[in-house]
Each structure stands twice: as C-alpha cells, then as structure tokens.
Amino acid sequence: MSSSGEFHDKDYSSNYGTSQARLSKEEEKLAFSRRYSVSTNRLGLNDAEVGRRSGIPKNTISRWANGQSIPEAKYVFALADALQVNPRWLITGEGPREISDTISEDTSGEWQLVGLFRSLDQEARQHLLTTARILWERAVQNRMEQVQASPTVHSPARKFKGEDDGG
C-alpha cells in the first residue's frame, strides 16, 4: 500500500488481459487472494458476509480467499460489487481499486442507487423494483396530466403565432 493509502499490486498482477509477464497459476491465485483480502479488510467483511452480499456460496469464496483458486468470469462482477471495487482491479491488479471515483462524480445519485441496489438480497431488490415502478408510473401520469392541462398544447380553437384566420 502506498503512502496515499492506494493499493498497488505490481508484483502480483494476474494474467487476465495484462501486458505483464505471465505468472504461474499459483502466483495468480496468491495475487487474487491478496487483493481479495485487502478489499474485505477495508470493509470489515468476512467470507460469509461477502457471500450474502454477492450471492456466491461461502465455500467458493473461501477457496479464493485462501489462494486455492481464482473466480470464474461469471462471479467477477458480483464479487466486485460486494467488495465495492473495480472488477478490473480485482482480477488484474490494474486500474483504480475504488469504484467510488466514478460514484463521487455522479451528481444525479444514479450510481449510488445502483450500489445500494446491488447490496440488497433478492427479496429486497424485488421490493425496490416494485416501488420504483410505482413511482415511475405516478411520474408519467403526472406529466400526462400537466401536458393535457397545459395551454401550450395546440387545439383547433387556438392559433399559432403568425397563423391567420384562413382564407
């Protein structure tokens, strides 16, 4: 870890799309395990909690944490979401570790909402989606009522600027 608190994994970068010299499978496993450990320690999570947040079985996560294997592609994004890290960094050790660099630039709150959504279990996600759908339907209905009540909507009784009475 550098003096700025940023973690660099130059010595243990994985082979996933990197331009660095090829590492042995054992070195790849250890490098991933190290990045996983840094991420869980930063959040104060254990393997069971990471499993709950990601939907990945705890025994699978434990194998990654112990350097016995590395995740298959289908698990990378769920794991990165649970650990709140950049998936590329998690796999390769390259790029920014934190995803908060992107989130902090988001003034609309969209990425914060995405992050919260991803941290929920399936039942809570369904509840949130139902609530969001209801809010969206109300917003559409309100907008339609505004448009219908708006004097800017053209009716045959009104004339556009420059439109004459015919003839």
Protein backbone atom coordinates (compact mmCIF):
# COMPACT_ATOMS: atom_id res chain seq x y z
CA MET A 1 0.00 0.00 0.00
CA SER A 2 1.36 3.41 -0.94
CA SER A 3 1.65 6.39 1.37
CA SER A 4 -1.55 7.76 -0.22
CA GLY A 5 -3.40 4.67 1.02
CA GLU A 6 -3.78 3.32 -2.51
CA PHE A 7 -3.02 -0.36 -3.01
CA HIS A 8 -0.77 -1.28 -5.94
CA ASP A 9 -0.28 -4.85 -6.96
CA LYS A 10 2.58 -4.53 -9.44
CA ASP A 11 4.35 -7.68 -8.29
CA TYR A 12 1.26 -9.89 -8.24
CA SER A 13 -0.73 -8.77 -11.28
CA SER A 14 -2.87 -11.53 -12.72
CA ASN A 15 -2.81 -12.73 -16.34
CA TYR A 16 -6.33 -11.53 -17.11
CA GLY A 17 -5.60 -9.27 -20.05
CA THR A 18 -2.43 -7.72 -18.66
CA SER A 19 0.65 -6.89 -20.64
CA GLN A 20 2.99 -8.02 -17.85
CA ALA A 21 5.00 -11.24 -17.92
CA ARG A 22 2.89 -14.34 -17.48
CA LEU A 23 2.56 -15.51 -13.89
CA SER A 24 2.22 -19.10 -12.81
CA LYS A 25 -1.24 -20.30 -11.76
CA GLU A 26 -0.10 -20.35 -8.14
CA GLU A 27 1.12 -16.74 -8.37
CA GLU A 28 -2.21 -15.73 -9.92
CA LYS A 29 -4.12 -17.37 -7.10
CA LEU A 30 -1.98 -15.68 -4.44
CA ALA A 31 -2.26 -12.29 -6.16
CA PHE A 32 -6.03 -12.55 -6.30
CA SER A 33 -6.17 -13.72 -2.69
CA ARG A 34 -4.13 -10.68 -1.67
CA ARG A 35 -6.46 -8.23 -3.47
CA TYR A 36 -9.48 -10.02 -2.00
CA SER A 37 -8.01 -9.74 1.49
CA VAL A 38 -7.25 -6.03 1.09
CA SER A 39 -10.84 -5.46 -0.03
CA THR A 40 -12.51 -7.42 2.76
CA ASN A 41 -10.29 -5.88 5.43
CA ARG A 42 -11.10 -2.38 4.18
CA LEU A 43 -14.83 -3.08 4.57
CA GLY A 44 -14.55 -5.26 7.67
CA LEU A 45 -16.23 -8.20 5.94
CA ASN A 46 -15.81 -11.93 6.40
CA ASP A 47 -16.37 -14.56 3.70
CA ALA A 48 -19.93 -15.27 4.86
CA GLU A 49 -20.91 -11.60 4.55
CA VAL A 50 -19.28 -11.34 1.12
CA GLY A 51 -21.28 -14.43 0.13
CA ARG A 52 -24.52 -12.90 1.37
CA ARG A 53 -23.87 -9.64 -0.49
CA SER A 54 -22.79 -11.32 -3.71
CA GLY A 55 -24.99 -14.42 -3.79
CA ILE A 56 -21.88 -16.58 -4.15
CA PRO A 57 -21.54 -19.67 -1.90
CA LYS A 58 -19.24 -19.11 1.10
CA ASN A 59 -17.16 -22.22 0.36
CA THR A 60 -16.41 -20.88 -3.15
CA ILE A 61 -15.35 -17.54 -1.69
CA SER A 62 -13.21 -19.27 0.93
CA ARG A 63 -11.25 -21.06 -1.82
CA TRP A 64 -10.49 -17.68 -3.42
CA ALA A 65 -9.59 -16.11 -0.07
CA ASN A 66 -7.21 -18.97 0.74
CA GLY A 67 -5.48 -18.79 -2.64
CA GLN A 68 -6.75 -22.19 -3.75
CA SER A 69 -8.46 -20.88 -6.90
CA ILE A 70 -9.48 -17.71 -8.71
CA PRO A 71 -13.04 -16.75 -9.65
CA GLU A 72 -14.62 -17.73 -12.92
CA ALA A 73 -15.75 -14.83 -15.10
CA LYS A 74 -19.41 -15.33 -14.12
CA TYR A 75 -18.58 -14.38 -10.49
CA VAL A 76 -16.30 -11.39 -11.02
CA PHE A 77 -18.88 -8.59 -11.20
CA ALA A 78 -21.00 -9.85 -8.30
CA LEU A 79 -17.86 -10.18 -6.19
CA ALA A 80 -16.54 -6.75 -7.19
CA ASP A 81 -19.93 -5.21 -6.37
CA ALA A 82 -19.97 -6.86 -2.94
CA LEU A 83 -16.42 -5.62 -2.25
CA GLN A 84 -17.10 -2.17 -3.73
CA VAL A 85 -14.07 -2.39 -6.00
CA ASN A 86 -13.33 -2.05 -9.68
CA PRO A 87 -13.69 -5.53 -11.30
CA ARG A 88 -10.60 -4.95 -13.46
CA TRP A 89 -8.51 -4.14 -10.40
CA LEU A 90 -9.88 -7.14 -8.52
CA ILE A 91 -8.84 -9.53 -11.28
CA THR A 92 -5.69 -7.90 -12.67
CA GLY A 93 -4.45 -5.50 -10.01
CA GLU A 94 -4.52 -2.75 -12.65
CA GLY A 95 -6.54 0.45 -12.72
CA PRO A 96 -8.16 2.23 -9.80
CA ARG A 97 -9.23 -0.01 -6.94
CA GLU A 98 -12.12 2.12 -5.83
CA ILE A 99 -15.34 2.41 -7.77
CA SER A 100 -16.13 5.49 -5.69
CA ASP A 101 -14.10 7.58 -8.16
CA THR A 102 -16.99 7.19 -10.58
CA ILE A 103 -19.70 7.42 -7.94
CA SER A 104 -18.37 10.66 -6.45
CA GLU A 105 -18.68 12.35 -9.86
CA ASP A 106 -22.32 11.25 -10.15
CA THR A 107 -24.40 14.24 -9.09
CA SER A 108 -27.69 12.56 -10.05
CA GLY A 109 -27.25 9.77 -7.49
CA GLU A 110 -27.72 7.09 -10.15
CA TRP A 111 -24.56 5.16 -9.23
CA GLN A 112 -25.32 5.47 -5.53
CA LEU A 113 -28.72 3.91 -6.22
CA VAL A 114 -27.10 1.15 -8.29
CA GLY A 115 -24.63 0.46 -5.48
CA LEU A 116 -27.38 0.25 -2.90
CA PHE A 117 -29.47 -1.98 -5.16
CA ARG A 118 -26.57 -4.38 -5.67
CA SER A 119 -26.04 -4.70 -1.93
CA LEU A 120 -29.62 -5.92 -1.35
CA ASP A 121 -30.80 -9.51 -1.25
CA GLN A 122 -33.20 -10.74 -3.95
CA GLU A 123 -36.39 -10.10 -1.96
CA ALA A 124 -35.37 -6.52 -1.14
CA ARG A 125 -34.40 -5.94 -4.77
CA GLN A 126 -37.89 -7.02 -5.90
CA HIS A 127 -39.47 -4.71 -3.34
CA LEU A 128 -37.32 -1.81 -4.51
CA LEU A 129 -38.14 -2.51 -8.16
CA THR A 130 -41.87 -2.59 -7.39
CA THR A 131 -41.59 0.70 -5.51
CA ALA A 132 -39.58 2.28 -8.33
CA ARG A 133 -42.15 1.10 -10.89
CA ILE A 134 -44.98 2.67 -8.87
CA LEU A 135 -43.06 5.95 -8.58
CA TRP A 136 -42.31 5.92 -12.31
CA GLU A 137 -45.99 5.30 -13.18
CA ARG A 138 -47.05 8.19 -10.94
CA ALA A 139 -44.46 10.47 -12.56
CA VAL A 140 -45.67 9.54 -16.05
CA GLN A 141 -49.29 10.08 -15.02
CA ASN A 142 -48.45 13.49 -13.50
CA ARG A 143 -46.60 14.50 -16.64
CA MET A 144 -49.50 13.46 -18.85
CA GLU A 145 -51.91 15.49 -16.71
CA GLN A 146 -49.60 18.51 -16.97
CA VAL A 147 -49.41 18.21 -20.74
CA GLN A 148 -53.20 17.88 -21.05
CA ALA A 149 -53.77 20.92 -18.82
CA SER A 150 -51.03 23.00 -20.45
CA PRO A 151 -52.07 25.97 -22.58
CA THR A 152 -49.15 25.19 -24.87
CA VAL A 153 -50.96 22.17 -26.29
CA HIS A 154 -52.46 23.19 -29.64
CA SER A 155 -56.16 22.93 -30.09
CA PRO A 156 -58.20 23.93 -33.14
CA ALA A 157 -59.66 26.84 -31.14
CA ARG A 158 -56.18 28.35 -30.66
CA LYS A 159 -54.00 29.81 -33.33
CA PHE A 160 -50.24 29.56 -33.63
CA LYS A 161 -48.30 32.79 -33.85
CA GLY A 162 -48.47 34.01 -37.42
CA GLU A 163 -51.43 31.78 -38.26
CA ASP A 164 -54.28 33.75 -39.81
CA ASP A 165 -57.99 33.05 -39.73
CA GLY A 166 -57.92 31.27 -43.05
CA GLY A 167 -58.94 32.37 -46.43
